[in-house]
Amino acid sequence: MEKEFSSTVKIRFADCDPIGHLNNVKYLEYMLNAREDHVEQNYGFTYEQYARETGCTWVTIQNEIAYLKEVKYNSKVTITSKTIFVDDLTAVVELLMMDDKGVVHAVFWLTVIYFNMKARRAEKMPEKTLNQFDHFLVNIDHKTFKERVSFFRSQNKIKN
């Protein structure tokens, strides 16, 4: 069963800075849009649908991103996403933006907390939702963001 999802996107001119590199904030937009698509296609729900049906959603409490190599206008990149940590309250998703040679241009760890919108507070995920996240959990060798970034930097040197 597939646990890491991917999609390919073309970098648009309007999303680049004057020298033709993808603007830093646009990395986040491309990656978050890809994750939203991955959840809908593979988890079987949209965030809007889940919130409407349960009154709960996931709220971002921490973003960590490292820009490893510039992404240029008109290039095609693959964005992958996978859940790398989950407990009854939080989850961490890793997103990668890479080229067709496997060079990682950016690594992004997104930490979210399960949030009840009506009560306006965090709460534990229902067992069914927690099991679904556990089902897609991917174990990685690196336990900190810094370790993970160092790993990809060394891998990129080999691929270049």
Foldseek 3Di string as FASTA:
>chain_A
DDLKDKDKDWAAQVQADPVFWGDPVVVVVVQVVGVQVVCCVPVVDGQVRCCVVPQKGKDWDDKDKDFQATDGHGAMWMKMKGWADDDQFKTKMWIFIGHPLRQTRMIMITMITMARNVVGGGDGDPPVVRVSNVVSHDHDPDDDPVVVVVVSNVVNVVSD
